[in-house]
N, C-alpha and C. Protein backbone atom coordinates (compact mmCIF):
# COMPACT_ATOMS: atom_id res chain seq x y z
N MET A 1 12.17 29.42 -3.14
CA MET A 1 11.42 28.17 -3.19
C MET A 1 10.43 28.27 -4.37
N ASP A 2 10.36 27.21 -5.16
CA ASP A 2 9.47 27.24 -6.31
C ASP A 2 8.00 27.06 -5.89
N THR A 3 7.09 27.41 -6.78
CA THR A 3 5.65 27.39 -6.47
C THR A 3 5.18 26.01 -6.04
N TYR A 4 5.63 24.95 -6.72
CA TYR A 4 5.19 23.60 -6.36
C TYR A 4 5.62 23.24 -4.94
N SER A 5 6.81 23.63 -4.54
CA SER A 5 7.28 23.34 -3.18
C SER A 5 6.45 24.09 -2.14
N VAL A 6 6.09 25.33 -2.45
CA VAL A 6 5.26 26.12 -1.54
C VAL A 6 3.88 25.48 -1.40
N ILE A 7 3.30 25.05 -2.52
CA ILE A 7 1.99 24.38 -2.49
C ILE A 7 2.09 23.07 -1.72
N ARG A 8 3.13 22.29 -1.97
CA ARG A 8 3.30 21.00 -1.28
C ARG A 8 3.40 21.23 0.23
N ASP A 9 4.16 22.23 0.65
CA ASP A 9 4.28 22.54 2.07
C ASP A 9 2.93 22.93 2.67
N ALA A 10 2.13 23.70 1.92
CA ALA A 10 0.80 24.10 2.40
C ALA A 10 -0.12 22.89 2.51
N GLU A 11 -0.06 22.00 1.52
CA GLU A 11 -0.88 20.78 1.55
C GLU A 11 -0.50 19.92 2.76
N LEU A 12 0.80 19.74 2.98
CA LEU A 12 1.25 18.95 4.14
C LEU A 12 0.87 19.62 5.45
N ALA A 13 0.89 20.94 5.49
CA ALA A 13 0.47 21.65 6.70
C ALA A 13 -0.97 21.32 7.03
N LEU A 14 -1.83 21.24 6.01
CA LEU A 14 -3.24 20.92 6.24
C LEU A 14 -3.45 19.50 6.76
N LEU A 15 -2.46 18.65 6.60
CA LEU A 15 -2.54 17.28 7.12
C LEU A 15 -1.96 17.16 8.52
N SER A 16 -1.30 18.21 9.01
CA SER A 16 -0.64 18.13 10.31
C SER A 16 -1.60 18.48 11.44
N PRO A 17 -1.50 17.78 12.56
CA PRO A 17 -2.38 18.05 13.70
C PRO A 17 -2.29 19.49 14.20
N ALA A 18 -1.11 20.08 14.20
CA ALA A 18 -0.95 21.45 14.70
C ALA A 18 -1.77 22.45 13.89
N VAL A 19 -1.76 22.31 12.58
CA VAL A 19 -2.52 23.23 11.72
C VAL A 19 -4.00 22.89 11.75
N ARG A 20 -4.33 21.62 11.77
CA ARG A 20 -5.73 21.20 11.77
C ARG A 20 -6.48 21.70 13.00
N GLY A 21 -5.76 21.95 14.09
CA GLY A 21 -6.38 22.45 15.30
C GLY A 21 -6.33 23.97 15.45
N ASP A 22 -5.81 24.66 14.44
CA ASP A 22 -5.63 26.11 14.50
C ASP A 22 -6.55 26.79 13.48
N ALA A 23 -7.69 27.29 13.94
CA ALA A 23 -8.69 27.88 13.04
C ALA A 23 -8.13 29.03 12.22
N ASP A 24 -7.27 29.86 12.80
CA ASP A 24 -6.71 30.98 12.06
C ASP A 24 -5.81 30.50 10.92
N ARG A 25 -5.00 29.50 11.20
CA ARG A 25 -4.11 28.94 10.16
C ARG A 25 -4.94 28.28 9.06
N LEU A 26 -5.99 27.57 9.45
CA LEU A 26 -6.87 26.95 8.45
C LEU A 26 -7.52 28.00 7.56
N ARG A 27 -7.99 29.08 8.16
CA ARG A 27 -8.61 30.16 7.37
C ARG A 27 -7.61 30.74 6.36
N ALA A 28 -6.35 30.81 6.76
CA ALA A 28 -5.32 31.34 5.86
C ALA A 28 -5.03 30.41 4.69
N LEU A 29 -5.24 29.11 4.89
CA LEU A 29 -4.93 28.12 3.85
C LEU A 29 -6.12 27.73 2.99
N LEU A 30 -7.34 27.91 3.49
CA LEU A 30 -8.54 27.51 2.75
C LEU A 30 -9.23 28.74 2.16
N HIS A 31 -9.47 28.70 0.87
CA HIS A 31 -10.16 29.78 0.16
C HIS A 31 -11.53 30.00 0.80
N PRO A 32 -12.04 31.25 0.84
CA PRO A 32 -13.37 31.49 1.42
C PRO A 32 -14.48 30.65 0.78
N GLU A 33 -14.32 30.27 -0.48
CA GLU A 33 -15.32 29.44 -1.16
C GLU A 33 -14.88 27.98 -1.28
N PHE A 34 -13.96 27.56 -0.40
CA PHE A 34 -13.46 26.19 -0.40
C PHE A 34 -14.60 25.17 -0.31
N VAL A 35 -14.45 24.07 -1.06
CA VAL A 35 -15.39 22.94 -1.02
C VAL A 35 -14.56 21.66 -1.02
N GLU A 36 -15.01 20.68 -0.26
CA GLU A 36 -14.42 19.34 -0.31
C GLU A 36 -15.51 18.33 -0.58
N ILE A 37 -15.17 17.33 -1.38
CA ILE A 37 -16.01 16.15 -1.53
C ILE A 37 -15.27 15.04 -0.79
N GLY A 38 -15.83 14.59 0.32
CA GLY A 38 -15.19 13.57 1.14
C GLY A 38 -15.36 12.18 0.55
N ARG A 39 -14.65 11.22 1.12
CA ARG A 39 -14.72 9.84 0.60
C ARG A 39 -16.12 9.27 0.68
N SER A 40 -16.94 9.83 1.58
CA SER A 40 -18.33 9.38 1.72
C SER A 40 -19.23 9.97 0.65
N GLY A 41 -18.70 10.96 -0.10
CA GLY A 41 -19.50 11.66 -1.09
C GLY A 41 -20.11 12.94 -0.55
N ARG A 42 -19.94 13.17 0.75
CA ARG A 42 -20.49 14.37 1.37
C ARG A 42 -19.74 15.61 0.87
N ARG A 43 -20.48 16.69 0.66
CA ARG A 43 -19.91 17.98 0.28
C ARG A 43 -19.70 18.79 1.56
N TRP A 44 -18.48 19.27 1.77
CA TRP A 44 -18.12 20.05 2.94
C TRP A 44 -17.80 21.48 2.51
N THR A 45 -18.33 22.46 3.23
CA THR A 45 -17.97 23.86 3.00
C THR A 45 -16.78 24.23 3.89
N ARG A 46 -16.23 25.37 3.66
CA ARG A 46 -15.11 25.85 4.47
C ARG A 46 -15.49 25.92 5.95
N GLU A 47 -16.65 26.48 6.24
CA GLU A 47 -17.05 26.62 7.64
C GLU A 47 -17.30 25.27 8.30
N GLU A 48 -17.86 24.31 7.57
CA GLU A 48 -18.06 22.96 8.12
C GLU A 48 -16.72 22.30 8.41
N ILE A 49 -15.76 22.49 7.51
CA ILE A 49 -14.43 21.93 7.70
C ILE A 49 -13.75 22.56 8.91
N LEU A 50 -13.84 23.87 9.02
CA LEU A 50 -13.24 24.54 10.18
C LEU A 50 -13.81 24.00 11.48
N GLY A 51 -15.13 23.84 11.54
CA GLY A 51 -15.77 23.31 12.74
C GLY A 51 -15.34 21.89 13.05
N ALA A 52 -15.23 21.06 12.02
CA ALA A 52 -14.84 19.66 12.23
C ALA A 52 -13.38 19.54 12.65
N LEU A 53 -12.51 20.29 12.02
CA LEU A 53 -11.08 20.11 12.27
C LEU A 53 -10.62 20.66 13.61
N VAL A 54 -11.13 21.79 14.03
CA VAL A 54 -10.66 22.34 15.31
C VAL A 54 -11.09 21.46 16.48
N ASN A 55 -12.10 20.62 16.28
CA ASN A 55 -12.56 19.71 17.32
C ASN A 55 -12.09 18.28 17.11
N GLU A 56 -11.28 18.06 16.09
CA GLU A 56 -10.81 16.72 15.76
C GLU A 56 -9.78 16.23 16.78
N GLU A 57 -9.86 14.95 17.09
CA GLU A 57 -8.87 14.34 17.97
C GLU A 57 -7.53 14.30 17.22
N SER A 58 -6.48 14.70 17.89
CA SER A 58 -5.16 14.76 17.26
C SER A 58 -4.68 13.38 16.85
N SER A 59 -4.02 13.32 15.70
CA SER A 59 -3.44 12.06 15.23
C SER A 59 -2.16 12.38 14.46
N GLU A 60 -1.44 11.36 14.06
CA GLU A 60 -0.19 11.55 13.33
C GLU A 60 -0.45 12.09 11.93
N THR A 61 0.52 12.81 11.42
CA THR A 61 0.47 13.23 10.02
C THR A 61 0.66 11.99 9.17
N PRO A 62 -0.19 11.76 8.17
CA PRO A 62 -0.09 10.54 7.37
C PRO A 62 1.12 10.54 6.44
N THR A 63 1.47 9.35 5.96
CA THR A 63 2.52 9.19 4.97
C THR A 63 1.95 9.55 3.61
N VAL A 64 2.62 10.45 2.90
CA VAL A 64 2.13 10.97 1.62
C VAL A 64 3.21 10.81 0.57
N ASP A 65 2.83 10.31 -0.62
CA ASP A 65 3.79 10.25 -1.73
C ASP A 65 3.06 10.31 -3.07
N ASP A 66 3.79 10.07 -4.14
CA ASP A 66 3.27 10.08 -5.51
C ASP A 66 2.68 11.45 -5.88
N TRP A 67 3.41 12.50 -5.55
CA TRP A 67 2.97 13.87 -5.83
C TRP A 67 2.99 14.15 -7.33
N GLN A 68 1.93 14.81 -7.83
CA GLN A 68 1.85 15.28 -9.22
C GLN A 68 1.32 16.71 -9.19
N PHE A 69 1.89 17.58 -10.01
CA PHE A 69 1.47 18.98 -10.10
C PHE A 69 1.18 19.31 -11.56
N THR A 70 0.02 19.93 -11.80
CA THR A 70 -0.37 20.33 -13.15
C THR A 70 -0.91 21.75 -13.10
N ASP A 71 -0.30 22.65 -13.86
CA ASP A 71 -0.81 24.01 -13.96
C ASP A 71 -1.99 24.02 -14.91
N LEU A 72 -3.16 24.40 -14.41
CA LEU A 72 -4.38 24.43 -15.22
C LEU A 72 -4.57 25.80 -15.87
N ALA A 73 -4.11 26.84 -15.21
CA ALA A 73 -4.19 28.21 -15.71
C ALA A 73 -3.21 29.03 -14.87
N ASP A 74 -2.99 30.28 -15.25
CA ASP A 74 -2.14 31.13 -14.43
C ASP A 74 -2.71 31.20 -13.02
N GLY A 75 -1.91 30.83 -12.04
CA GLY A 75 -2.35 30.92 -10.65
C GLY A 75 -3.26 29.81 -10.18
N LEU A 76 -3.43 28.74 -10.96
CA LEU A 76 -4.29 27.62 -10.56
C LEU A 76 -3.58 26.30 -10.84
N THR A 77 -3.31 25.55 -9.77
CA THR A 77 -2.56 24.30 -9.87
C THR A 77 -3.35 23.14 -9.30
N LEU A 78 -3.42 22.05 -10.08
CA LEU A 78 -4.00 20.79 -9.62
C LEU A 78 -2.89 19.97 -8.99
N VAL A 79 -3.13 19.48 -7.78
CA VAL A 79 -2.18 18.64 -7.07
C VAL A 79 -2.85 17.31 -6.79
N THR A 80 -2.16 16.22 -7.10
CA THR A 80 -2.65 14.89 -6.72
C THR A 80 -1.55 14.17 -5.96
N TYR A 81 -1.98 13.29 -5.04
CA TYR A 81 -1.02 12.53 -4.25
C TYR A 81 -1.72 11.32 -3.64
N LEU A 82 -0.93 10.46 -3.04
CA LEU A 82 -1.41 9.23 -2.41
C LEU A 82 -1.11 9.29 -0.91
N ILE A 83 -2.13 9.02 -0.09
CA ILE A 83 -1.92 8.84 1.34
C ILE A 83 -1.92 7.34 1.61
N ARG A 84 -0.85 6.89 2.26
CA ARG A 84 -0.73 5.47 2.60
C ARG A 84 -1.22 5.27 4.03
N GLY A 85 -2.20 4.38 4.18
CA GLY A 85 -2.76 4.10 5.49
C GLY A 85 -2.52 2.67 5.91
N ASP A 86 -2.67 2.39 7.20
CA ASP A 86 -2.52 1.03 7.70
C ASP A 86 -3.59 0.11 7.13
N GLU A 87 -4.80 0.64 7.00
CA GLU A 87 -5.92 -0.18 6.56
C GLU A 87 -6.22 -0.04 5.07
N ARG A 88 -5.96 1.15 4.52
CA ARG A 88 -6.19 1.38 3.09
C ARG A 88 -5.47 2.65 2.66
N ASP A 89 -5.26 2.73 1.36
CA ASP A 89 -4.65 3.91 0.78
C ASP A 89 -5.76 4.77 0.18
N SER A 90 -5.46 6.04 -0.06
CA SER A 90 -6.43 6.92 -0.70
C SER A 90 -5.71 7.92 -1.60
N ARG A 91 -6.35 8.20 -2.74
CA ARG A 91 -5.85 9.20 -3.69
C ARG A 91 -6.55 10.52 -3.40
N HIS A 92 -5.80 11.60 -3.52
CA HIS A 92 -6.32 12.93 -3.21
C HIS A 92 -6.00 13.90 -4.32
N SER A 93 -6.92 14.84 -4.54
CA SER A 93 -6.69 15.91 -5.50
C SER A 93 -7.13 17.22 -4.87
N SER A 94 -6.35 18.26 -5.15
CA SER A 94 -6.63 19.59 -4.62
C SER A 94 -6.38 20.62 -5.71
N LEU A 95 -7.17 21.68 -5.68
CA LEU A 95 -6.92 22.83 -6.54
C LEU A 95 -6.40 23.96 -5.67
N TRP A 96 -5.25 24.48 -6.04
CA TRP A 96 -4.60 25.55 -5.29
C TRP A 96 -4.57 26.83 -6.12
N ASP A 97 -5.04 27.91 -5.51
CA ASP A 97 -5.04 29.23 -6.13
C ASP A 97 -3.84 30.00 -5.60
N THR A 98 -2.94 30.38 -6.50
CA THR A 98 -1.76 31.17 -6.12
C THR A 98 -1.79 32.55 -6.77
N SER A 99 -2.94 32.94 -7.28
CA SER A 99 -3.05 34.20 -8.04
C SER A 99 -2.84 35.45 -7.19
N THR A 100 -3.03 35.34 -5.89
CA THR A 100 -2.86 36.52 -5.02
C THR A 100 -1.64 36.40 -4.12
N GLY A 101 -0.75 35.47 -4.42
CA GLY A 101 0.47 35.32 -3.62
C GLY A 101 0.49 34.00 -2.88
N ALA A 102 0.21 34.02 -1.58
CA ALA A 102 0.23 32.80 -0.77
C ALA A 102 -0.82 31.82 -1.28
N PRO A 103 -0.48 30.54 -1.36
CA PRO A 103 -1.44 29.56 -1.89
C PRO A 103 -2.63 29.36 -0.95
N VAL A 104 -3.82 29.24 -1.55
CA VAL A 104 -5.03 28.88 -0.82
C VAL A 104 -5.71 27.74 -1.56
N MET A 105 -6.18 26.75 -0.80
CA MET A 105 -6.86 25.61 -1.39
C MET A 105 -8.29 25.99 -1.73
N ARG A 106 -8.67 25.72 -2.97
CA ARG A 106 -10.01 26.05 -3.45
C ARG A 106 -10.94 24.83 -3.41
N PHE A 107 -10.37 23.63 -3.66
CA PHE A 107 -11.16 22.40 -3.74
C PHE A 107 -10.29 21.23 -3.31
N HIS A 108 -10.94 20.22 -2.72
CA HIS A 108 -10.23 18.98 -2.36
C HIS A 108 -11.18 17.80 -2.47
N GLN A 109 -10.64 16.65 -2.92
CA GLN A 109 -11.41 15.41 -2.94
C GLN A 109 -10.47 14.26 -2.62
N GLY A 110 -10.95 13.32 -1.80
CA GLY A 110 -10.21 12.12 -1.48
C GLY A 110 -11.03 10.89 -1.84
N THR A 111 -10.35 9.87 -2.39
CA THR A 111 -11.02 8.64 -2.82
C THR A 111 -10.22 7.44 -2.35
N VAL A 112 -10.88 6.50 -1.70
CA VAL A 112 -10.22 5.27 -1.25
C VAL A 112 -9.80 4.45 -2.46
N VAL A 113 -8.59 3.90 -2.41
CA VAL A 113 -8.08 3.05 -3.48
C VAL A 113 -8.60 1.64 -3.25
N ALA A 114 -9.45 1.15 -4.13
CA ALA A 114 -10.06 -0.18 -3.98
C ALA A 114 -9.03 -1.27 -4.25
N GLY A 115 -9.06 -2.30 -3.40
CA GLY A 115 -8.23 -3.48 -3.62
C GLY A 115 -6.75 -3.25 -3.45
N ARG A 116 -6.38 -2.15 -2.89
CA ARG A 116 -4.96 -1.85 -2.71
C ARG A 116 -4.54 -2.17 -1.29
N HIS A 117 -3.47 -2.91 -1.14
CA HIS A 117 -2.96 -3.23 0.19
C HIS A 117 -1.89 -2.22 0.55
N PRO A 118 -1.99 -1.61 1.71
CA PRO A 118 -1.01 -0.61 2.13
C PRO A 118 0.39 -1.19 2.27
N ALA A 119 1.36 -0.33 2.10
CA ALA A 119 2.74 -0.73 2.27
C ALA A 119 3.02 -0.99 3.75
N SER A 120 3.93 -1.92 4.01
CA SER A 120 4.27 -2.18 5.41
C SER A 120 4.98 -0.95 5.97
N GLY A 121 4.73 -0.69 7.24
CA GLY A 121 5.34 0.46 7.88
C GLY A 121 4.62 1.76 7.63
N SER A 122 3.50 1.72 6.92
CA SER A 122 2.78 2.96 6.65
C SER A 122 1.99 3.38 7.87
N ARG A 123 1.61 4.65 7.87
CA ARG A 123 0.83 5.18 8.99
C ARG A 123 -0.52 5.61 8.48
N HIS A 124 -1.53 5.40 9.29
CA HIS A 124 -2.90 5.80 8.96
C HIS A 124 -3.27 6.99 9.83
N SER A 125 -3.93 7.96 9.23
CA SER A 125 -4.23 9.18 9.97
C SER A 125 -5.31 8.98 11.02
N GLY A 126 -6.17 7.98 10.86
CA GLY A 126 -7.23 7.75 11.83
C GLY A 126 -8.39 8.71 11.68
N ARG A 127 -8.34 9.60 10.71
CA ARG A 127 -9.40 10.58 10.51
C ARG A 127 -10.56 9.95 9.76
N SER A 128 -11.76 10.36 10.13
CA SER A 128 -12.92 9.79 9.45
C SER A 128 -13.77 10.83 8.76
N THR A 129 -13.55 12.11 9.03
CA THR A 129 -14.33 13.15 8.39
C THR A 129 -13.44 14.33 8.05
N GLY A 130 -13.95 15.17 7.20
CA GLY A 130 -13.27 16.41 6.91
C GLY A 130 -12.22 16.30 5.83
N PRO A 131 -11.37 17.32 5.72
CA PRO A 131 -10.43 17.34 4.63
C PRO A 131 -9.58 16.10 4.60
N PHE A 132 -9.37 15.65 3.43
CA PHE A 132 -8.43 14.59 3.19
C PHE A 132 -8.88 13.32 3.90
N GLU A 133 -10.22 13.11 3.88
CA GLU A 133 -10.78 11.89 4.46
C GLU A 133 -10.03 10.73 3.85
N SER A 134 -9.21 10.08 4.63
CA SER A 134 -8.38 9.03 4.08
C SER A 134 -8.79 7.64 4.52
N GLY A 135 -9.62 7.53 5.44
CA GLY A 135 -10.02 6.20 5.83
C GLY A 135 -10.29 6.13 7.25
């Protein structure tokens, strides 16, 4: 499996309810110095994210598309994608560190797409805080 596929699988895992409720799995996927800037502008640390996600009410994995991968340096990849929600869409960017083997997310930011109407049949994650704040 190529590096981009491995990173994409890890990113999708972080959006799944099973992984979001598993603190050990989250620790394995989030770099010790992980930071997120949520749609509200709030800065989240790894420990704050772990606390929020393990207590999060379970919801469906959101619909994700428009994947882009850019290698910024050896072992550092920028990933961008679109989450389609019932009420609004959001663009997301993540930095993935693959320098030590298994990918770990170093940074994440989500931004609501202004004036964009979601596609019919899309699913909204229902999440309001934490990683990948989509709406």
